[in-house]
Amino acid sequence: MAYFHEAELKECLAEWEASGFRVTGSVANVSSRREREKLMEEVAWAFDGKLNIL
């Protein structure tokens, strides 16, 4: 999951984990190309390059 604010990210991750899902999260401003690229690097490392956007 990617969120702009860390507090919201942590809350959302806790909800998904409590439901039994394997999740990870990053704080990112997706309007920034540099931050999108960093996010994709993190995704590639964690999930073999797969990104599911809900």
C-alpha atoms as a PDB file:
ATOM      1  CA  MET A   1       0.000   0.000   0.000  1.00  0.00           C
ATOM      2  CA  ALA A   2       1.147   3.516  -0.661  1.00  0.00           C
ATOM      3  CA  TYR A   3      -0.089   6.438   1.369  1.00  0.00           C
ATOM      4  CA  PHE A   4       0.838  10.082   1.594  1.00  0.00           C
ATOM      5  CA  HIS A   5       0.676  10.130   5.411  1.00  0.00           C
ATOM      6  CA  GLU A   6       2.471   7.565   7.560  1.00  0.00           C
ATOM      7  CA  ALA A   7      -0.219   7.472  10.281  1.00  0.00           C
ATOM      8  CA  GLU A   8      -2.921   6.538   7.745  1.00  0.00           C
ATOM      9  CA  LEU A   9      -0.642   3.917   6.232  1.00  0.00           C
ATOM     10  CA  LYS A  10       0.033   2.261   9.592  1.00  0.00           C
ATOM     11  CA  GLU A  11      -3.681   2.193  10.423  1.00  0.00           C
ATOM     12  CA  CYS A  12      -4.586   0.625   7.093  1.00  0.00           C
ATOM     13  CA  LEU A  13      -1.786  -1.951   7.272  1.00  0.00           C
ATOM     14  CA  ALA A  14      -2.914  -2.992  10.758  1.00  0.00           C
ATOM     15  CA  GLU A  15      -6.478  -3.545   9.504  1.00  0.00           C
ATOM     16  CA  TRP A  16      -5.348  -5.692   6.562  1.00  0.00           C
ATOM     17  CA  GLU A  17      -2.901  -7.685   8.706  1.00  0.00           C
ATOM     18  CA  ALA A  18      -5.651  -8.313  11.283  1.00  0.00           C
ATOM     19  CA  SER A  19      -7.709  -9.781   8.439  1.00  0.00           C
ATOM     20  CA  GLY A  20      -4.900 -12.213   7.661  1.00  0.00           C
ATOM     21  CA  PHE A  21      -3.413 -10.539   4.596  1.00  0.00           C
ATOM     22  CA  ARG A  22       0.308 -10.257   3.908  1.00  0.00           C
ATOM     23  CA  VAL A  23       0.858  -6.548   3.305  1.00  0.00           C
ATOM     24  CA  THR A  24       3.610  -4.004   3.197  1.00  0.00           C
ATOM     25  CA  GLY A  25       3.429  -0.273   2.821  1.00  0.00           C
ATOM     26  CA  SER A  26       5.347   2.779   1.778  1.00  0.00           C
ATOM     27  CA  VAL A  27       4.830   6.474   2.263  1.00  0.00           C
ATOM     28  CA  ALA A  28       4.905   8.051  -1.185  1.00  0.00           C
ATOM     29  CA  ASN A  29       3.669  11.097  -3.047  1.00  0.00           C
ATOM     30  CA  VAL A  30       2.673   9.384  -6.297  1.00  0.00           C
ATOM     31  CA  SER A  31       2.469  12.743  -8.078  1.00  0.00           C
ATOM     32  CA  SER A  32       6.280  12.816  -7.837  1.00  0.00           C
ATOM     33  CA  ARG A  33       8.108  10.812 -10.501  1.00  0.00           C
ATOM     34  CA  ARG A  34      11.072  10.228  -8.187  1.00  0.00           C
ATOM     35  CA  GLU A  35       8.847   8.871  -5.421  1.00  0.00           C
ATOM     36  CA  ARG A  36       6.955   6.620  -7.874  1.00  0.00           C
ATOM     37  CA  GLU A  37      10.263   5.187  -9.067  1.00  0.00           C
ATOM     38  CA  LYS A  38      11.354   4.582  -5.466  1.00  0.00           C
ATOM     39  CA  LEU A  39       8.009   2.895  -4.754  1.00  0.00           C
ATOM     40  CA  MET A  40       8.422   0.593  -7.754  1.00  0.00           C
ATOM     41  CA  GLU A  41      11.920  -0.362  -6.583  1.00  0.00           C
ATOM     42  CA  GLU A  42      10.487  -1.299  -3.185  1.00  0.00           C
ATOM     43  CA  VAL A  43       7.692  -3.297  -4.834  1.00  0.00           C
ATOM     44  CA  ALA A  44      10.130  -5.111  -7.108  1.00  0.00           C
ATOM     45  CA  TRP A  45      12.202  -6.080  -4.079  1.00  0.00           C
ATOM     46  CA  ALA A  46       9.234  -7.218  -1.970  1.00  0.00           C
ATOM     47  CA  PHE A  47       6.963  -8.848  -4.574  1.00  0.00           C
ATOM     48  CA  ASP A  48       8.979  -9.729  -7.672  1.00  0.00           C
ATOM     49  CA  GLY A  49       7.860  -6.552  -9.446  1.00  0.00           C
ATOM     50  CA  LYS A  50       4.101  -7.045  -9.001  1.00  0.00           C
ATOM     51  CA  LEU A  51       1.950  -4.123  -7.873  1.00  0.00           C
ATOM     52  CA  ASN A  52      -1.789  -4.460  -7.226  1.00  0.00           C
ATOM     53  CA  ILE A  53      -3.599  -1.148  -7.008  1.00  0.00           C
ATOM     54  CA  LEU A  54      -7.058  -1.162  -5.455  1.00  0.00           C
END
